[in-house]
Amino acid sequence: MQNTPMSEKARLALGLVAGAGTLASFAAITGSHALVILAVGTVLSAVVAAFQADRRNVWAAWAGGAAVAALLAWIVPDLRSILLLVSAVEGAGALLLALARYRRSR
């Protein structure tokens, strides 16, 4: 497997994921729901950037969906159990799709 430099869109997607993680950390520290909503938007932007970098990044959408469901479960207690279930299923789907993509690229 070659080491190729990452595209600008891929670097953007990674930066947005890091930003979402930072926002979620600040939300945990402060208890602010507004920061969670910003983190959700940042995750969705990262998914879009990942697709623009490579259309075969289907796993990124599933991982983003899992992250969004987990973040929303944090601020919507009435739907927490179903959102955590959705997050777990999407996370497992993302893992399977990422492994399948890795095996095809080898």
N, C-alpha and C. Protein backbone atom coordinates (compact mmCIF):
# COMPACT_ATOMS: atom_id res chain seq x y z
N MET A 1 0.84 -1.17 0.00
CA MET A 1 0.00 0.00 0.00
C MET A 1 0.89 1.24 0.00
N GLN A 2 0.58 2.18 -0.86
CA GLN A 2 1.38 3.38 -0.98
C GLN A 2 0.99 4.40 0.08
N ASN A 3 1.98 5.19 0.47
CA ASN A 3 1.70 6.34 1.32
C ASN A 3 1.48 7.54 0.43
N THR A 4 0.24 7.90 0.23
CA THR A 4 -0.07 9.05 -0.60
C THR A 4 -0.51 10.19 0.31
N PRO A 5 -0.17 11.40 -0.06
CA PRO A 5 -0.58 12.52 0.78
C PRO A 5 -2.10 12.65 0.79
N MET A 6 -2.63 13.07 1.91
CA MET A 6 -4.07 13.23 2.03
C MET A 6 -4.53 14.43 1.22
N SER A 7 -5.72 14.32 0.67
CA SER A 7 -6.28 15.44 -0.07
C SER A 7 -6.69 16.55 0.91
N GLU A 8 -6.92 17.70 0.35
CA GLU A 8 -7.34 18.83 1.17
C GLU A 8 -8.68 18.55 1.84
N LYS A 9 -9.59 17.91 1.13
CA LYS A 9 -10.90 17.58 1.70
C LYS A 9 -10.78 16.56 2.83
N ALA A 10 -9.87 15.60 2.68
CA ALA A 10 -9.68 14.61 3.74
C ALA A 10 -9.10 15.26 4.99
N ARG A 11 -8.16 16.18 4.80
CA ARG A 11 -7.61 16.91 5.95
C ARG A 11 -8.69 17.76 6.61
N LEU A 12 -9.56 18.36 5.79
CA LEU A 12 -10.67 19.14 6.33
C LEU A 12 -11.59 18.26 7.16
N ALA A 13 -11.91 17.07 6.66
CA ALA A 13 -12.78 16.16 7.39
C ALA A 13 -12.17 15.78 8.74
N LEU A 14 -10.88 15.48 8.76
CA LEU A 14 -10.22 15.14 10.02
C LEU A 14 -10.21 16.32 10.98
N GLY A 15 -9.99 17.50 10.46
CA GLY A 15 -10.01 18.70 11.30
C GLY A 15 -11.39 18.94 11.89
N LEU A 16 -12.42 18.72 11.10
CA LEU A 16 -13.78 18.89 11.60
C LEU A 16 -14.13 17.86 12.67
N VAL A 17 -13.65 16.64 12.49
CA VAL A 17 -13.88 15.61 13.52
C VAL A 17 -13.18 16.00 14.82
N ALA A 18 -11.96 16.51 14.70
CA ALA A 18 -11.24 16.97 15.89
C ALA A 18 -11.99 18.14 16.55
N GLY A 19 -12.52 19.03 15.74
CA GLY A 19 -13.29 20.14 16.28
C GLY A 19 -14.56 19.68 16.98
N ALA A 20 -15.22 18.68 16.41
CA ALA A 20 -16.43 18.14 17.04
C ALA A 20 -16.09 17.50 18.39
N GLY A 21 -14.97 16.81 18.43
CA GLY A 21 -14.54 16.21 19.69
C GLY A 21 -14.24 17.26 20.75
N THR A 22 -13.61 18.35 20.32
CA THR A 22 -13.32 19.45 21.24
C THR A 22 -14.61 20.09 21.74
N LEU A 23 -15.56 20.32 20.83
CA LEU A 23 -16.84 20.89 21.24
C LEU A 23 -17.57 19.97 22.22
N ALA A 24 -17.55 18.67 21.96
CA ALA A 24 -18.20 17.73 22.86
C ALA A 24 -17.52 17.72 24.23
N SER A 25 -16.20 17.85 24.24
CA SER A 25 -15.47 17.92 25.52
C SER A 25 -15.86 19.17 26.30
N PHE A 26 -15.91 20.30 25.61
CA PHE A 26 -16.33 21.54 26.27
C PHE A 26 -17.77 21.44 26.76
N ALA A 27 -18.62 20.78 25.99
CA ALA A 27 -20.02 20.60 26.41
C ALA A 27 -20.09 19.75 27.68
N ALA A 28 -19.24 18.73 27.77
CA ALA A 28 -19.22 17.89 28.96
C ALA A 28 -18.75 18.69 30.18
N ILE A 29 -17.80 19.58 29.96
CA ILE A 29 -17.26 20.38 31.06
C ILE A 29 -18.28 21.41 31.52
N THR A 30 -18.93 22.08 30.57
CA THR A 30 -19.82 23.20 30.91
C THR A 30 -21.28 22.80 31.05
N GLY A 31 -21.67 21.67 30.49
CA GLY A 31 -23.07 21.27 30.52
C GLY A 31 -23.93 22.02 29.51
N SER A 32 -23.31 22.64 28.52
CA SER A 32 -24.02 23.45 27.54
C SER A 32 -24.59 22.58 26.42
N HIS A 33 -25.89 22.68 26.20
CA HIS A 33 -26.51 21.94 25.10
C HIS A 33 -26.22 22.60 23.77
N ALA A 34 -25.97 23.90 23.77
CA ALA A 34 -25.65 24.60 22.52
C ALA A 34 -24.36 24.06 21.91
N LEU A 35 -23.39 23.73 22.75
CA LEU A 35 -22.13 23.17 22.23
C LEU A 35 -22.35 21.79 21.63
N VAL A 36 -23.29 21.04 22.18
CA VAL A 36 -23.61 19.72 21.61
C VAL A 36 -24.21 19.89 20.22
N ILE A 37 -25.10 20.86 20.07
CA ILE A 37 -25.71 21.12 18.76
C ILE A 37 -24.63 21.55 17.76
N LEU A 38 -23.69 22.38 18.19
CA LEU A 38 -22.58 22.76 17.31
C LEU A 38 -21.74 21.55 16.93
N ALA A 39 -21.53 20.64 17.89
CA ALA A 39 -20.76 19.42 17.60
C ALA A 39 -21.49 18.56 16.57
N VAL A 40 -22.81 18.48 16.67
CA VAL A 40 -23.60 17.71 15.69
C VAL A 40 -23.41 18.30 14.29
N GLY A 41 -23.51 19.60 14.18
CA GLY A 41 -23.30 20.26 12.88
C GLY A 41 -21.91 20.05 12.34
N THR A 42 -20.93 20.05 13.23
CA THR A 42 -19.55 19.83 12.81
C THR A 42 -19.34 18.40 12.31
N VAL A 43 -19.96 17.44 12.97
CA VAL A 43 -19.88 16.04 12.52
C VAL A 43 -20.50 15.90 11.14
N LEU A 44 -21.66 16.51 10.94
CA LEU A 44 -22.31 16.42 9.63
C LEU A 44 -21.45 17.07 8.54
N SER A 45 -20.79 18.17 8.87
CA SER A 45 -19.89 18.81 7.91
C SER A 45 -18.70 17.91 7.60
N ALA A 46 -18.21 17.18 8.60
CA ALA A 46 -17.10 16.26 8.38
C ALA A 46 -17.50 15.13 7.45
N VAL A 47 -18.73 14.64 7.59
CA VAL A 47 -19.22 13.57 6.70
C VAL A 47 -19.27 14.07 5.26
N VAL A 48 -19.76 15.28 5.07
CA VAL A 48 -19.82 15.85 3.72
C VAL A 48 -18.42 15.99 3.14
N ALA A 49 -17.47 16.48 3.94
CA ALA A 49 -16.09 16.63 3.46
C ALA A 49 -15.47 15.27 3.14
N ALA A 50 -15.78 14.25 3.94
CA ALA A 50 -15.25 12.91 3.67
C ALA A 50 -15.78 12.37 2.35
N PHE A 51 -17.06 12.61 2.07
CA PHE A 51 -17.62 12.17 0.79
C PHE A 51 -17.02 12.94 -0.38
N GLN A 52 -16.75 14.21 -0.19
CA GLN A 52 -16.13 14.98 -1.25
C GLN A 52 -14.70 14.52 -1.50
N ALA A 53 -14.03 14.05 -0.45
CA ALA A 53 -12.67 13.54 -0.60
C ALA A 53 -12.66 12.23 -1.37
N ASP A 54 -13.62 11.35 -1.08
CA ASP A 54 -13.68 10.05 -1.74
C ASP A 54 -15.11 9.52 -1.63
N ARG A 55 -15.77 9.34 -2.74
CA ARG A 55 -17.17 8.91 -2.76
C ARG A 55 -17.36 7.51 -2.19
N ARG A 56 -16.28 6.75 -2.05
CA ARG A 56 -16.40 5.39 -1.51
C ARG A 56 -16.39 5.37 0.01
N ASN A 57 -16.34 6.52 0.66
CA ASN A 57 -16.30 6.59 2.12
C ASN A 57 -17.70 6.45 2.72
N VAL A 58 -18.37 5.36 2.40
CA VAL A 58 -19.71 5.12 2.92
C VAL A 58 -19.65 4.93 4.44
N TRP A 59 -18.59 4.33 4.90
CA TRP A 59 -18.46 4.09 6.34
C TRP A 59 -18.47 5.39 7.12
N ALA A 60 -18.00 6.48 6.51
CA ALA A 60 -17.96 7.77 7.21
C ALA A 60 -19.37 8.26 7.54
N ALA A 61 -20.31 8.01 6.65
CA ALA A 61 -21.70 8.41 6.92
C ALA A 61 -22.27 7.62 8.09
N TRP A 62 -21.96 6.34 8.14
CA TRP A 62 -22.44 5.52 9.25
C TRP A 62 -21.79 5.95 10.56
N ALA A 63 -20.49 6.23 10.53
CA ALA A 63 -19.81 6.68 11.74
C ALA A 63 -20.34 8.04 12.18
N GLY A 64 -20.58 8.91 11.22
CA GLY A 64 -21.16 10.21 11.54
C GLY A 64 -22.55 10.08 12.13
N GLY A 65 -23.34 9.18 11.58
CA GLY A 65 -24.68 8.93 12.12
C GLY A 65 -24.63 8.42 13.55
N ALA A 66 -23.67 7.55 13.82
CA ALA A 66 -23.51 7.03 15.18
C ALA A 66 -23.13 8.15 16.15
N ALA A 67 -22.23 9.02 15.71
CA ALA A 67 -21.82 10.14 16.56
C ALA A 67 -22.97 11.11 16.80
N VAL A 68 -23.73 11.40 15.75
CA VAL A 68 -24.87 12.32 15.90
C VAL A 68 -25.91 11.72 16.85
N ALA A 69 -26.21 10.44 16.69
CA ALA A 69 -27.20 9.80 17.58
C ALA A 69 -26.73 9.82 19.03
N ALA A 70 -25.44 9.57 19.25
CA ALA A 70 -24.91 9.59 20.62
C ALA A 70 -24.96 11.00 21.20
N LEU A 71 -24.62 12.00 20.39
CA LEU A 71 -24.67 13.37 20.88
C LEU A 71 -26.10 13.81 21.18
N LEU A 72 -27.03 13.42 20.32
CA LEU A 72 -28.43 13.78 20.57
C LEU A 72 -28.99 13.04 21.79
N ALA A 73 -28.53 11.82 22.04
CA ALA A 73 -28.96 11.09 23.23
C ALA A 73 -28.54 11.82 24.50
N TRP A 74 -27.47 12.56 24.40
CA TRP A 74 -26.96 13.31 25.53
C TRP A 74 -27.93 14.42 25.94
N ILE A 75 -28.55 15.06 24.95
CA ILE A 75 -29.37 16.23 25.26
C ILE A 75 -30.87 15.97 25.19
N VAL A 76 -31.28 14.79 24.74
CA VAL A 76 -32.72 14.46 24.67
C VAL A 76 -32.96 13.22 25.53
N PRO A 77 -33.14 13.41 26.83
CA PRO A 77 -33.27 12.26 27.73
C PRO A 77 -34.47 11.36 27.43
N ASP A 78 -35.54 11.92 26.88
CA ASP A 78 -36.72 11.10 26.60
C ASP A 78 -36.46 10.05 25.52
N LEU A 79 -35.55 10.32 24.62
CA LEU A 79 -35.24 9.40 23.52
C LEU A 79 -33.89 8.70 23.69
N ARG A 80 -33.31 8.81 24.86
CA ARG A 80 -31.95 8.33 25.08
C ARG A 80 -31.78 6.85 24.75
N SER A 81 -32.69 6.00 25.19
CA SER A 81 -32.51 4.56 24.98
C SER A 81 -32.55 4.20 23.50
N ILE A 82 -33.47 4.78 22.75
CA ILE A 82 -33.54 4.45 21.33
C ILE A 82 -32.37 5.07 20.56
N LEU A 83 -31.97 6.28 20.94
CA LEU A 83 -30.84 6.91 20.25
C LEU A 83 -29.53 6.17 20.51
N LEU A 84 -29.35 5.66 21.71
CA LEU A 84 -28.14 4.88 21.98
C LEU A 84 -28.15 3.56 21.22
N LEU A 85 -29.32 2.97 21.06
CA LEU A 85 -29.43 1.75 20.25
C LEU A 85 -29.10 2.05 18.79
N VAL A 86 -29.64 3.15 18.26
CA VAL A 86 -29.33 3.56 16.89
C VAL A 86 -27.84 3.83 16.74
N SER A 87 -27.25 4.49 17.73
CA SER A 87 -25.82 4.78 17.69
C SER A 87 -24.99 3.50 17.66
N ALA A 88 -25.38 2.52 18.46
CA ALA A 88 -24.64 1.26 18.49
C ALA A 88 -24.74 0.52 17.15
N VAL A 89 -25.93 0.48 16.58
CA VAL A 89 -26.11 -0.21 15.30
C VAL A 89 -25.32 0.50 14.20
N GLU A 90 -25.40 1.82 14.16
CA GLU A 90 -24.66 2.56 13.13
C GLU A 90 -23.15 2.44 13.35
N GLY A 91 -22.72 2.41 14.58
CA GLY A 91 -21.29 2.23 14.86
C GLY A 91 -20.79 0.88 14.38
N ALA A 92 -21.59 -0.17 14.63
CA ALA A 92 -21.22 -1.50 14.15
C ALA A 92 -21.21 -1.54 12.63
N GLY A 93 -22.20 -0.91 12.01
CA GLY A 93 -22.23 -0.83 10.54
C GLY A 93 -21.03 -0.10 9.98
N ALA A 94 -20.64 0.99 10.63
CA ALA A 94 -19.47 1.74 10.19
C ALA A 94 -18.21 0.89 10.27
N LEU A 95 -18.08 0.14 11.36
CA LEU A 95 -16.91 -0.72 11.52
C LEU A 95 -16.86 -1.79 10.44
N LEU A 96 -17.99 -2.43 10.18
CA LEU A 96 -18.02 -3.46 9.13
C LEU A 96 -17.72 -2.88 7.75
N LEU A 97 -18.28 -1.72 7.44
CA LEU A 97 -18.02 -1.10 6.15
C LEU A 97 -16.57 -0.65 6.02
N ALA A 98 -15.99 -0.14 7.10
CA ALA A 98 -14.58 0.28 7.06
C ALA A 98 -13.67 -0.93 6.87
N LEU A 99 -13.98 -2.04 7.55
CA LEU A 99 -13.17 -3.25 7.37
C LEU A 99 -13.30 -3.79 5.96
N ALA A 100 -14.51 -3.77 5.41
CA ALA A 100 -14.70 -4.23 4.03
C ALA A 100 -13.94 -3.34 3.05
N ARG A 101 -13.95 -2.05 3.28
CA ARG A 101 -13.22 -1.12 2.41
C ARG A 101 -11.72 -1.37 2.50
N TYR A 102 -11.23 -1.61 3.72
CA TYR A 102 -9.81 -1.89 3.92
C TYR A 102 -9.41 -3.17 3.20
N ARG A 103 -10.22 -4.20 3.29
CA ARG A 103 -9.89 -5.48 2.64
C ARG A 103 -9.90 -5.35 1.12
N ARG A 104 -10.82 -4.54 0.57
CA ARG A 104 -10.86 -4.35 -0.88
C ARG A 104 -9.67 -3.54 -1.37
N SER A 105 -9.16 -2.63 -0.54
CA SER A 105 -8.06 -1.78 -0.99
C SER A 105 -6.71 -2.48 -0.90
N ARG A 106 -6.65 -3.62 -0.24
CA ARG A 106 -5.38 -4.34 -0.10
C ARG A 106 -5.05 -5.13 -1.31
